[in-house]
Each structure stands twice: as structure tokens, then as C-alpha cells.
Amino acid sequence: MRTGLLRGRDHLQLGAVATLAERRVAIALSRGGAAKTYEHQDPNEDACAFAWTEHAWLVAVADGHWGSGGAELALTRLLERHAPRWMSPAPIALADRWFLEAPDVALDLNHALVAAGGPEMVGRTTLALALVRPRDGWWAALLAGDSHLFTVDGVRASESCRAAPAKVTFIGEPQLDRAALERAVRCTVERDVPRALVLATDGLSEPAIGVADPARAVAESVAAARAVNADLRPLAAARGLAERALAAQRANAAGDNVATACVWLAD
């Protein structure tokens, strides 16, 4: 299994975009296009990750709140503890039990963050992940908090599993149990394969900070990526979306961290 991880604490330059890409997966991370205008702990509290084998592709983004440690820890544990079984040649009925798997994973990550010291030590975090099993003909997603998942088919992008503003739940809350997380997480399993799956933290979409129309920004990023060599399309889409967010932040004179990820499914 090949993996990649970008940590907020390693990328602190305003306006810069760090990227990693292999095969059909890519991630991008930035401190932002302008300085934050709200109270915060660390300059860059986001993180993003990927994993892939010949059997599966995984991308994830996390948005830390009041510290970068929560996002980093959540994605590290995701890669080390959960990705290996998801990426195996034949995971036993994973698609059929995804709606049970997702709350269990969220609970495990929640326990890990709380055990590391609680929100005051590592920070809470949101999470969005997409897992694709192309040979098995399905993809699945898990989201907690207000990060985004978009599907792109043709020239259109649509947001999936959108969070209701009043129901944002952070991973890393000591009071959360499995029942609470089962109500809070959003998950899906789909058989239809879009052109691309794109993830983003709310640095893309935050009102008066990010872009006015996140779905349009995603569609434009994927459309522009189609013009480059096929091997570079996931990277171009992830980077292009981050750069659109940074341009909006510069125009708004208000910044936020941005993490994006792309799985390119169809040429």
C-alpha cells in the first residue's frame, strides 16, 4: 500500500500550495491566500492524505479546530489502522456493511484524539474521506463536520452528503459515543462511477472567505484538468481547486487553511 500525507504544521507559507500525487489520487494543502481574521491556535490546522493499491484508492481531508494535531492524528490513524483492510484484495462484504463501518471508524478516531489529550491538546477536527474499489464497481464516503465531497460527471459537479449547518460534529469530543456518532456522520455507498471525486475543507467555501460557488469551482478545476496529460489530471484538479480558493481569499482579504483531494475515475 502506497500512502501520502500533508500536515499543516509543515506548510506555513501564505499563498503556497503543497501537493502530492500518485496514479489516480492527489492531495493539495495550503495555509491560505490571506491571513486568518478569526481566533485560532496554529497557522495551518488542516491536513490531507491518500492511499492506494491495485485494488482500491482512498483520499481524505481533515480540518483541525484550535490546533493542527487533531487533523494530523486522525489521518495518521486512518492510514495505519483502517486503510490496510479497505485496500486489501477482497475486503469481506465491505460495501454491504459500510453504514456500520463508518460510525465504528469515527468512534475509533474519536477515541484516539481524546486519548491523546483531548481538544485542548490536539484539537478537534472534521473529516471527509472517499474510498473507491474500481474493480468491485463501487465507491463509498464518510464525512463528519463541514468538509465537502463533490462528484463530477461531465461538466457538472454536485455536492454529496452535505452537512446541515446546525449538525456539524467534530471528531475529538469526549462526550461522543457510538450512538451519537452514528447520528452525526454522513456516509454513502454508490455503484455509479463519476469522472472524479473531489474533497475540500471549508477554506474553499467559508462565507466571505472562500469561493461564492464551491460546486462551480470544483467543476472548473476538473474541466481544466482534462486539458493536461492523463497522468497529471488528479494533481491538476486538486491544485487548481486549492488555487481557486486562495484567489478568493486574497480578493476577500480574509484567509483560512485549505486542503483538497481528488480521485480521477474516468478519462
Protein backbone atom coordinates (compact mmCIF):
# COMPACT_ATOMS: atom_id res chain seq x y z
CA MET A 1 0.00 0.00 0.00
CA ARG A 2 1.33 3.41 -1.00
CA THR A 3 0.40 6.42 1.12
CA GLY A 4 0.91 10.17 1.24
CA LEU A 5 0.21 12.73 3.95
CA LEU A 6 0.47 16.52 4.04
CA ARG A 7 0.49 18.06 7.55
CA GLY A 8 -0.49 21.62 8.30
CA ARG A 9 2.45 22.21 10.62
CA ASP A 10 4.82 21.61 7.70
CA HIS A 11 3.22 24.15 5.35
CA LEU A 12 3.09 27.66 6.77
CA GLN A 13 3.74 30.00 3.83
CA LEU A 14 0.78 32.15 2.81
CA GLY A 15 -0.15 31.71 -0.83
CA ALA A 16 1.83 28.49 -1.35
CA VAL A 17 0.22 25.17 -2.31
CA ALA A 18 1.90 21.86 -1.43
CA THR A 19 0.91 18.78 -3.42
CA LEU A 20 1.41 15.03 -3.58
CA ALA A 21 0.11 12.73 -6.30
CA GLU A 22 0.45 9.13 -7.43
CA ARG A 23 -1.51 7.27 -10.07
CA ARG A 24 -5.15 8.39 -9.83
CA VAL A 25 -5.00 10.14 -6.44
CA ALA A 26 -3.77 13.61 -5.49
CA ILE A 27 -3.85 15.94 -2.49
CA ALA A 28 -3.10 19.64 -2.02
CA LEU A 29 -2.67 21.76 1.12
CA SER A 30 -2.21 25.47 1.82
CA ARG A 31 -2.14 27.78 4.81
CA GLY A 32 -4.38 30.04 2.75
CA GLY A 33 -4.38 33.00 0.42
CA ALA A 34 -4.59 35.63 3.16
CA ALA A 35 -4.14 35.86 6.92
CA LYS A 36 -6.90 34.45 9.11
CA THR A 37 -9.19 37.09 10.58
CA TYR A 38 -10.62 34.83 13.30
CA GLU A 39 -9.13 33.46 16.52
CA HIS A 40 -7.09 30.28 16.05
CA GLN A 41 -4.28 28.24 17.58
CA ASP A 42 -1.96 27.28 14.70
CA PRO A 43 -1.27 28.91 11.32
CA ASN A 44 -2.31 25.78 9.38
CA GLU A 45 -4.63 23.33 11.07
CA ASP A 46 -5.67 21.25 8.03
CA ALA A 47 -4.22 18.01 6.67
CA CYS A 48 -4.88 15.66 3.75
CA ALA A 49 -3.89 12.12 2.81
CA PHE A 50 -4.14 9.35 0.23
CA ALA A 51 -3.57 5.62 -0.01
CA TRP A 52 -3.72 3.28 -2.97
CA THR A 53 -3.15 -0.26 -4.10
CA GLU A 54 -4.02 -2.06 -7.32
CA HIS A 55 -7.41 -2.78 -5.73
CA ALA A 56 -8.52 0.50 -4.14
CA TRP A 57 -7.96 4.25 -3.89
CA LEU A 58 -8.52 6.39 -0.81
CA VAL A 59 -8.36 10.16 -0.25
CA ALA A 60 -9.15 12.15 2.89
CA VAL A 61 -9.09 15.72 4.20
CA ALA A 62 -9.33 16.93 7.79
CA ASP A 63 -9.89 20.42 9.17
CA GLY A 64 -8.47 20.95 12.64
CA HIS A 65 -10.12 23.35 15.06
CA TRP A 66 -7.96 25.01 17.70
CA GLY A 67 -4.81 23.13 16.80
CA SER A 68 -3.22 21.19 13.97
CA GLY A 69 -2.73 17.98 15.94
CA GLY A 70 -6.26 16.64 15.62
CA ALA A 71 -6.31 16.61 11.82
CA GLU A 72 -2.84 15.09 11.63
CA LEU A 73 -3.58 12.40 14.21
CA ALA A 74 -6.94 11.48 12.65
CA LEU A 75 -5.43 10.96 9.20
CA THR A 76 -2.39 9.12 10.52
CA ARG A 77 -4.60 6.67 12.39
CA LEU A 78 -6.85 6.32 9.36
CA LEU A 79 -3.89 5.32 7.19
CA GLU A 80 -2.34 2.99 9.75
CA ARG A 81 -5.38 1.27 11.26
CA HIS A 82 -8.21 1.33 8.71
CA ALA A 83 -6.81 1.83 5.22
CA PRO A 84 -4.97 -1.53 5.09
CA ARG A 85 -8.16 -3.60 5.35
CA TRP A 86 -10.04 -1.31 2.95
CA MET A 87 -7.28 -1.59 0.36
CA SER A 88 -6.90 -5.39 0.55
CA PRO A 89 -7.63 -7.59 -2.48
CA ALA A 90 -11.00 -8.79 -1.20
CA PRO A 91 -12.44 -6.96 1.84
CA ILE A 92 -15.27 -9.11 3.13
CA ALA A 93 -18.61 -7.51 2.19
CA LEU A 94 -17.26 -4.03 2.91
CA ALA A 95 -19.80 -2.27 0.70
CA ASP A 96 -22.66 -4.12 2.40
CA ARG A 97 -21.52 -3.11 5.88
CA TRP A 98 -20.25 0.41 5.15
CA PHE A 99 -23.10 2.02 7.10
CA LEU A 100 -21.90 0.08 10.17
CA GLU A 101 -18.22 0.53 9.36
CA ALA A 102 -18.36 4.32 9.11
CA PRO A 103 -19.57 5.02 12.69
CA ASP A 104 -17.11 2.45 14.04
CA VAL A 105 -14.24 4.22 12.29
CA ALA A 106 -15.42 7.62 13.51
CA LEU A 107 -15.62 6.24 17.05
CA ASP A 108 -12.09 4.83 16.85
CA LEU A 109 -10.71 8.15 15.61
CA ASN A 110 -12.63 9.99 18.30
CA HIS A 111 -11.15 7.73 20.99
CA ALA A 112 -7.65 8.28 19.58
CA LEU A 113 -7.96 12.08 19.70
CA VAL A 114 -9.44 12.10 23.19
CA ALA A 115 -6.77 9.68 24.47
CA ALA A 116 -4.05 11.94 23.05
CA GLY A 117 -5.07 14.69 25.42
CA GLY A 118 -8.49 15.98 24.47
CA PRO A 119 -9.45 19.05 22.44
CA GLU A 120 -7.17 21.38 24.45
CA MET A 121 -4.12 19.31 23.47
CA VAL A 122 -4.62 18.10 19.91
CA GLY A 123 -7.68 19.98 18.71
CA ARG A 124 -10.93 18.70 17.30
CA THR A 125 -11.27 18.00 13.60
CA THR A 126 -13.69 17.46 10.77
CA LEU A 127 -13.14 14.60 8.34
CA ALA A 128 -14.09 13.70 4.79
CA LEU A 129 -12.91 10.55 3.04
CA ALA A 130 -13.70 8.78 -0.20
CA LEU A 131 -12.85 5.14 -0.87
CA VAL A 132 -13.05 3.69 -4.38
CA ARG A 133 -12.96 -0.03 -5.25
CA PRO A 134 -12.86 0.27 -9.06
CA ARG A 135 -12.65 -3.46 -9.83
CA ASP A 136 -15.55 -4.14 -7.49
CA GLY A 137 -17.60 -1.35 -9.06
CA TRP A 138 -18.39 0.86 -6.08
CA TRP A 139 -17.23 3.83 -4.05
CA ALA A 140 -18.07 4.97 -0.53
CA ALA A 141 -17.68 8.07 1.60
CA LEU A 142 -17.62 9.09 5.24
CA LEU A 143 -17.96 12.70 6.41
CA ALA A 144 -18.03 14.26 9.86
CA GLY A 145 -18.23 18.02 10.22
CA ASP A 146 -18.36 20.60 7.46
CA SER A 147 -15.76 19.41 4.96
CA HIS A 148 -17.04 18.63 1.46
CA LEU A 149 -17.36 15.78 -1.03
CA PHE A 150 -18.17 16.52 -4.68
CA THR A 151 -18.90 14.14 -7.53
CA VAL A 152 -18.06 15.36 -11.03
CA ASP A 153 -19.77 13.87 -14.07
CA GLY A 154 -19.45 15.52 -17.44
CA VAL A 155 -19.29 19.29 -16.86
CA ARG A 156 -21.27 19.32 -13.62
CA ALA A 157 -20.19 18.98 -10.00
CA SER A 158 -22.61 18.06 -7.24
CA GLU A 159 -22.04 18.01 -3.51
CA SER A 160 -22.80 14.71 -1.79
CA CYS A 161 -23.58 14.13 1.90
CA ARG A 162 -23.83 17.85 2.58
CA ALA A 163 -23.79 18.86 6.23
CA ALA A 164 -26.65 20.81 7.77
CA PRO A 165 -25.12 23.89 9.49
CA ALA A 166 -26.80 23.04 12.81
CA LYS A 167 -25.41 19.48 12.78
CA VAL A 168 -21.67 19.99 12.48
CA THR A 169 -19.94 17.45 14.72
CA PHE A 170 -16.22 17.37 15.38
CA ILE A 171 -14.16 14.25 15.95
CA GLY A 172 -12.30 14.55 19.24
CA GLU A 173 -15.21 15.35 21.56
CA PRO A 174 -15.06 13.37 24.84
CA GLN A 175 -18.84 13.13 25.17
CA LEU A 176 -19.41 11.40 21.83
CA ASP A 177 -20.35 7.71 21.91
CA ARG A 178 -21.17 5.40 19.04
CA ALA A 179 -24.87 6.26 19.03
CA ALA A 180 -24.09 9.96 18.78
CA LEU A 181 -21.58 9.41 16.00
CA GLU A 182 -23.99 7.17 14.10
CA ARG A 183 -26.41 10.11 14.05
CA ALA A 184 -23.73 12.64 13.21
CA VAL A 185 -21.67 11.08 10.42
CA ARG A 186 -22.84 11.14 6.82
CA CYS A 187 -21.98 8.20 4.64
CA THR A 188 -22.89 6.72 1.30
CA VAL A 189 -22.14 3.76 -0.96
CA GLU A 190 -22.63 4.26 -4.69
CA ARG A 191 -22.40 2.00 -7.74
CA ASP A 192 -22.35 4.74 -10.36
CA VAL A 193 -18.80 5.87 -11.15
CA PRO A 194 -18.40 9.61 -11.83
CA ARG A 195 -15.49 11.19 -13.68
CA ALA A 196 -13.90 12.34 -10.42
CA LEU A 197 -14.42 12.57 -6.67
CA VAL A 198 -13.15 15.77 -5.06
CA LEU A 199 -12.81 16.60 -1.38
CA ALA A 200 -12.22 20.00 0.24
CA THR A 201 -12.14 21.57 3.68
CA ASP A 202 -14.22 24.67 4.34
CA GLY A 203 -11.42 27.04 3.38
CA LEU A 204 -12.94 26.57 -0.07
CA SER A 205 -16.44 27.57 0.94
CA GLU A 206 -16.45 29.70 4.11
CA PRO A 207 -18.74 32.73 3.58
CA ALA A 208 -16.83 35.98 2.97
CA ILE A 209 -13.58 33.95 2.79
CA GLY A 210 -13.78 31.27 0.09
CA VAL A 211 -15.42 31.00 -3.32
CA ALA A 212 -19.02 32.04 -3.85
CA ASP A 213 -19.98 28.81 -5.63
CA PRO A 214 -17.95 25.79 -4.45
CA ALA A 215 -19.54 23.32 -6.87
CA ARG A 216 -18.72 25.59 -9.81
CA ALA A 217 -15.12 25.94 -8.61
CA VAL A 218 -14.84 22.14 -8.49
CA ALA A 219 -16.35 21.73 -11.95
CA GLU A 220 -14.00 24.33 -13.40
CA SER A 221 -10.97 22.71 -11.76
CA VAL A 222 -11.83 19.29 -13.15
CA ALA A 223 -12.63 20.71 -16.58
CA ALA A 224 -9.26 22.49 -16.69
CA ALA A 225 -7.51 19.30 -15.58
CA ARG A 226 -8.90 17.41 -18.57
CA ALA A 227 -6.67 19.53 -20.81
CA VAL A 228 -3.44 18.14 -19.34
CA ASN A 229 -1.78 14.75 -19.70
CA ALA A 230 -3.92 11.96 -18.24
CA ASP A 231 -1.31 11.11 -15.60
CA LEU A 232 -1.44 14.67 -14.26
CA ARG A 233 -5.20 15.18 -14.12
CA PRO A 234 -5.77 14.31 -10.44
CA LEU A 235 -2.91 16.63 -9.45
CA ALA A 236 -4.15 19.44 -11.70
CA ALA A 237 -7.67 19.17 -10.27
CA ALA A 238 -6.57 19.17 -6.61
CA ARG A 239 -4.08 22.00 -7.09
CA GLY A 240 -6.43 24.00 -9.30
CA LEU A 241 -9.20 23.87 -6.71
CA ALA A 242 -6.86 24.98 -3.93
CA GLU A 243 -5.61 27.85 -6.07
CA ARG A 244 -9.17 28.98 -6.79
CA ALA A 245 -9.84 29.05 -3.06
CA LEU A 246 -6.67 31.07 -2.44
CA ALA A 247 -7.60 33.59 -5.14
CA ALA A 248 -10.99 34.10 -3.49
CA GLN A 249 -9.37 34.58 -0.09
CA ARG A 250 -6.99 37.21 -1.47
CA ALA A 251 -9.94 39.04 -3.03
CA ASN A 252 -11.85 38.87 0.27
CA ALA A 253 -8.78 39.86 2.34
CA ALA A 254 -9.63 37.02 4.72
CA GLY A 255 -7.96 33.62 4.85
CA ASP A 256 -8.46 30.05 6.00
CA ASN A 257 -6.49 26.83 5.58
CA VAL A 258 -7.38 24.76 2.51
CA ALA A 259 -6.99 21.02 1.94
CA THR A 260 -8.22 19.35 -1.25
CA ALA A 261 -8.07 15.85 -2.70
CA CYS A 262 -9.04 14.17 -5.95
CA VAL A 263 -9.59 10.65 -7.21
CA TRP A 264 -9.75 10.62 -11.02
CA LEU A 265 -12.00 7.76 -12.07
CA ALA A 266 -12.66 8.15 -15.79
CA ASP A 267 -10.55 9.67 -18.56
